[in-house]
Amino acid sequence: MAASDPVTAVLNIGGQLIDRLWPDPEKRDQAKLVLMEMAQKGELAELTGRTEIVKTEAASSHWLAANWRPILMLTFGGLIVARWFGFAAPNLSEAEYLKLWGIVELGLGGYVIGRSVEKIVPSLAEAVKK
């Protein structure tokens, strides 16, 4: 794999972070094994691909392409808050409500993690170089 390959970069940085964050050699080896298993299964490539799609959409000059995900999350979040205040649609079942909640959790988690990684990775990369 080329050095510019995102999966290789994640493996390299991930391995270096694991070395610095896990003092116990056994747990460090387990964490590296999990990281390698993710790479072999293609999970890291899939996550990298998803990240690139979201970045491309967010950077789009077209308003709708850049904002459809946040609008969808706000809509689903609004439906959840409305239900808390007793304003739920009469045909919204508990299962549908839980699916909406799961989507909002996934969306918020992805956003928070993505933004955190975006802000932290440059400083972590700099620290690893030292």
C-alpha atoms as a PDB file:
ATOM      1  CA  MET A   1       0.000   0.000   0.000  1.00  0.00           C
ATOM      2  CA  ALA A   2       1.164   3.505  -0.749  1.00  0.00           C
ATOM      3  CA  ALA A   3       2.103   5.806   2.102  1.00  0.00           C
ATOM      4  CA  SER A   4      -0.608   8.211   0.984  1.00  0.00           C
ATOM      5  CA  ASP A   5      -3.265   5.515   1.311  1.00  0.00           C
ATOM      6  CA  PRO A   6      -5.732   6.650   4.025  1.00  0.00           C
ATOM      7  CA  VAL A   7      -6.050   3.152   5.486  1.00  0.00           C
ATOM      8  CA  THR A   8      -2.270   2.860   5.825  1.00  0.00           C
ATOM      9  CA  ALA A   9      -2.157   6.273   7.456  1.00  0.00           C
ATOM     10  CA  VAL A  10      -4.869   5.239   9.942  1.00  0.00           C
ATOM     11  CA  LEU A  11      -2.999   2.016  10.719  1.00  0.00           C
ATOM     12  CA  ASN A  12       0.277   3.869  11.262  1.00  0.00           C
ATOM     13  CA  ILE A  13      -1.198   6.602  13.448  1.00  0.00           C
ATOM     14  CA  GLY A  14      -3.443   4.102  15.248  1.00  0.00           C
ATOM     15  CA  GLY A  15      -0.498   1.842  16.029  1.00  0.00           C
ATOM     16  CA  GLN A  16       1.561   4.751  17.345  1.00  0.00           C
ATOM     17  CA  LEU A  17      -1.333   5.987  19.473  1.00  0.00           C
ATOM     18  CA  ILE A  18      -1.892   2.519  20.886  1.00  0.00           C
ATOM     19  CA  ASP A  19       1.800   2.327  21.809  1.00  0.00           C
ATOM     20  CA  ARG A  20       1.538   5.614  23.693  1.00  0.00           C
ATOM     21  CA  LEU A  21      -1.874   5.117  25.340  1.00  0.00           C
ATOM     22  CA  TRP A  22      -1.749   1.477  26.501  1.00  0.00           C
ATOM     23  CA  PRO A  23       0.963   0.845  29.089  1.00  0.00           C
ATOM     24  CA  ASP A  24       0.038  -2.851  29.445  1.00  0.00           C
ATOM     25  CA  PRO A  25       1.782  -4.762  26.620  1.00  0.00           C
ATOM     26  CA  GLU A  26      -0.943  -7.425  26.494  1.00  0.00           C
ATOM     27  CA  LYS A  27      -3.753  -4.868  26.101  1.00  0.00           C
ATOM     28  CA  ARG A  28      -1.629  -2.936  23.604  1.00  0.00           C
ATOM     29  CA  ASP A  29      -1.263  -6.079  21.488  1.00  0.00           C
ATOM     30  CA  GLN A  30      -5.003  -6.746  21.717  1.00  0.00           C
ATOM     31  CA  ALA A  31      -5.804  -3.201  20.566  1.00  0.00           C
ATOM     32  CA  LYS A  32      -3.399  -3.515  17.628  1.00  0.00           C
ATOM     33  CA  LEU A  33      -4.951  -6.866  16.726  1.00  0.00           C
ATOM     34  CA  VAL A  34      -8.422  -5.291  16.649  1.00  0.00           C
ATOM     35  CA  LEU A  35      -7.099  -2.467  14.455  1.00  0.00           C
ATOM     36  CA  MET A  36      -5.521  -4.964  12.056  1.00  0.00           C
ATOM     37  CA  GLU A  37      -8.693  -7.079  11.972  1.00  0.00           C
ATOM     38  CA  MET A  38     -10.672  -3.960  11.049  1.00  0.00           C
ATOM     39  CA  ALA A  39      -8.230  -3.278   8.224  1.00  0.00           C
ATOM     40  CA  GLN A  40      -8.396  -6.879   6.955  1.00  0.00           C
ATOM     41  CA  LYS A  41     -12.185  -6.906   7.006  1.00  0.00           C
ATOM     42  CA  GLY A  42     -12.236  -3.655   5.056  1.00  0.00           C
ATOM     43  CA  GLU A  43     -13.897  -1.754   7.885  1.00  0.00           C
ATOM     44  CA  LEU A  44     -11.217   0.946   7.944  1.00  0.00           C
ATOM     45  CA  ALA A  45     -11.515   1.461   4.187  1.00  0.00           C
ATOM     46  CA  GLU A  46     -15.298   1.652   4.504  1.00  0.00           C
ATOM     47  CA  LEU A  47     -15.077   4.196   7.331  1.00  0.00           C
ATOM     48  CA  THR A  48     -12.524   6.213   5.373  1.00  0.00           C
ATOM     49  CA  GLY A  49     -14.814   6.156   2.332  1.00  0.00           C
ATOM     50  CA  ARG A  50     -17.802   7.301   4.378  1.00  0.00           C
ATOM     51  CA  THR A  51     -15.748  10.106   5.877  1.00  0.00           C
ATOM     52  CA  GLU A  52     -14.715  11.290   2.429  1.00  0.00           C
ATOM     53  CA  ILE A  53     -18.334  11.292   1.235  1.00  0.00           C
ATOM     54  CA  VAL A  54     -19.452  13.425   4.185  1.00  0.00           C
ATOM     55  CA  LYS A  55     -16.494  15.802   3.711  1.00  0.00           C
ATOM     56  CA  THR A  56     -17.279  16.172   0.014  1.00  0.00           C
ATOM     57  CA  GLU A  57     -20.951  16.831   0.704  1.00  0.00           C
ATOM     58  CA  ALA A  58     -20.172  19.376   3.423  1.00  0.00           C
ATOM     59  CA  ALA A  59     -17.735  21.208   1.133  1.00  0.00           C
ATOM     60  CA  SER A  60     -20.205  21.287  -1.759  1.00  0.00           C
ATOM     61  CA  SER A  61     -21.097  24.653  -3.232  1.00  0.00           C
ATOM     62  CA  HIS A  62     -24.679  23.433  -3.592  1.00  0.00           C
ATOM     63  CA  TRP A  63     -26.693  24.359  -0.512  1.00  0.00           C
ATOM     64  CA  LEU A  64     -28.848  21.230  -0.430  1.00  0.00           C
ATOM     65  CA  ALA A  65     -25.930  18.819  -0.960  1.00  0.00           C
ATOM     66  CA  ALA A  66     -24.030  20.469   1.903  1.00  0.00           C
ATOM     67  CA  ASN A  67     -26.960  20.608   4.330  1.00  0.00           C
ATOM     68  CA  TRP A  68     -29.239  17.644   3.795  1.00  0.00           C
ATOM     69  CA  ARG A  69     -27.704  15.546   6.604  1.00  0.00           C
ATOM     70  CA  PRO A  70     -27.959  18.275   9.262  1.00  0.00           C
ATOM     71  CA  ILE A  71     -31.533  19.059   8.147  1.00  0.00           C
ATOM     72  CA  LEU A  72     -32.470  15.388   8.442  1.00  0.00           C
ATOM     73  CA  MET A  73     -30.907  15.138  11.919  1.00  0.00           C
ATOM     74  CA  LEU A  74     -32.769  18.284  13.034  1.00  0.00           C
ATOM     75  CA  THR A  75     -36.037  16.861  11.687  1.00  0.00           C
ATOM     76  CA  PHE A  76     -35.587  13.538  13.481  1.00  0.00           C
ATOM     77  CA  GLY A  77     -34.448  15.324  16.650  1.00  0.00           C
ATOM     78  CA  GLY A  78     -37.526  17.548  16.446  1.00  0.00           C
ATOM     79  CA  LEU A  79     -39.774  14.497  16.202  1.00  0.00           C
ATOM     80  CA  ILE A  80     -38.153  13.044  19.314  1.00  0.00           C
ATOM     81  CA  VAL A  81     -38.499  16.288  21.292  1.00  0.00           C
ATOM     82  CA  ALA A  82     -42.113  16.660  20.138  1.00  0.00           C
ATOM     83  CA  ARG A  83     -42.845  13.177  21.485  1.00  0.00           C
ATOM     84  CA  TRP A  84     -41.297  14.110  24.843  1.00  0.00           C
ATOM     85  CA  PHE A  85     -43.768  16.995  25.033  1.00  0.00           C
ATOM     86  CA  GLY A  86     -46.678  14.785  24.024  1.00  0.00           C
ATOM     87  CA  PHE A  87     -46.956  15.992  20.423  1.00  0.00           C
ATOM     88  CA  ALA A  88     -46.284  12.722  18.636  1.00  0.00           C
ATOM     89  CA  ALA A  89     -48.062  11.670  15.504  1.00  0.00           C
ATOM     90  CA  PRO A  90     -50.814   9.228  16.464  1.00  0.00           C
ATOM     91  CA  ASN A  91     -49.475   6.578  14.085  1.00  0.00           C
ATOM     92  CA  LEU A  92     -45.821   6.807  15.228  1.00  0.00           C
ATOM     93  CA  SER A  93     -45.160   3.473  16.909  1.00  0.00           C
ATOM     94  CA  GLU A  94     -42.641   2.822  19.656  1.00  0.00           C
ATOM     95  CA  ALA A  95     -40.479   0.876  17.189  1.00  0.00           C
ATOM     96  CA  GLU A  96     -40.457   3.822  14.754  1.00  0.00           C
ATOM     97  CA  TYR A  97     -39.602   6.192  17.594  1.00  0.00           C
ATOM     98  CA  LEU A  98     -36.687   3.968  18.629  1.00  0.00           C
ATOM     99  CA  LYS A  99     -35.460   3.827  15.015  1.00  0.00           C
ATOM    100  CA  LEU A 100     -35.533   7.637  14.848  1.00  0.00           C
ATOM    101  CA  TRP A 101     -33.640   7.822  18.114  1.00  0.00           C
ATOM    102  CA  GLY A 102     -31.049   5.355  16.801  1.00  0.00           C
ATOM    103  CA  ILE A 103     -30.554   7.424  13.645  1.00  0.00           C
ATOM    104  CA  VAL A 104     -30.124  10.612  15.679  1.00  0.00           C
ATOM    105  CA  GLU A 105     -27.625   8.901  18.003  1.00  0.00           C
ATOM    106  CA  LEU A 106     -25.692   7.597  15.017  1.00  0.00           C
ATOM    107  CA  GLY A 107     -25.766  10.978  13.283  1.00  0.00           C
ATOM    108  CA  LEU A 108     -24.724  12.931  16.351  1.00  0.00           C
ATOM    109  CA  GLY A 109     -22.079  10.384  17.262  1.00  0.00           C
ATOM    110  CA  GLY A 110     -20.645  10.459  13.758  1.00  0.00           C
ATOM    111  CA  TYR A 111     -20.644  14.236  13.718  1.00  0.00           C
ATOM    112  CA  VAL A 112     -19.044  14.605  17.133  1.00  0.00           C
ATOM    113  CA  ILE A 113     -16.447  11.909  16.464  1.00  0.00           C
ATOM    114  CA  GLY A 114     -15.749  13.246  12.995  1.00  0.00           C
ATOM    115  CA  ARG A 115     -15.278  16.808  14.214  1.00  0.00           C
ATOM    116  CA  SER A 116     -13.161  15.639  17.146  1.00  0.00           C
ATOM    117  CA  VAL A 117     -10.932  13.549  14.915  1.00  0.00           C
ATOM    118  CA  GLU A 118     -10.676  16.410  12.434  1.00  0.00           C
ATOM    119  CA  LYS A 119      -9.457  18.737  15.184  1.00  0.00           C
ATOM    120  CA  ILE A 120      -7.300  16.259  17.123  1.00  0.00           C
ATOM    121  CA  VAL A 121      -5.515  14.290  14.383  1.00  0.00           C
ATOM    122  CA  PRO A 122      -3.140  17.130  13.342  1.00  0.00           C
ATOM    123  CA  SER A 123      -1.948  17.618  16.925  1.00  0.00           C
ATOM    124  CA  LEU A 124      -1.709  13.848  17.482  1.00  0.00           C
ATOM    125  CA  ALA A 125       0.282  13.448  14.276  1.00  0.00           C
ATOM    126  CA  GLU A 126       2.619  16.208  15.435  1.00  0.00           C
ATOM    127  CA  ALA A 127       2.995  14.578  18.862  1.00  0.00           C
ATOM    128  CA  VAL A 128       3.750  11.202  17.301  1.00  0.00           C
ATOM    129  CA  LYS A 129       6.489  12.755  15.142  1.00  0.00           C
ATOM    130  CA  LYS A 130       8.300  14.006  18.283  1.00  0.00           C
END
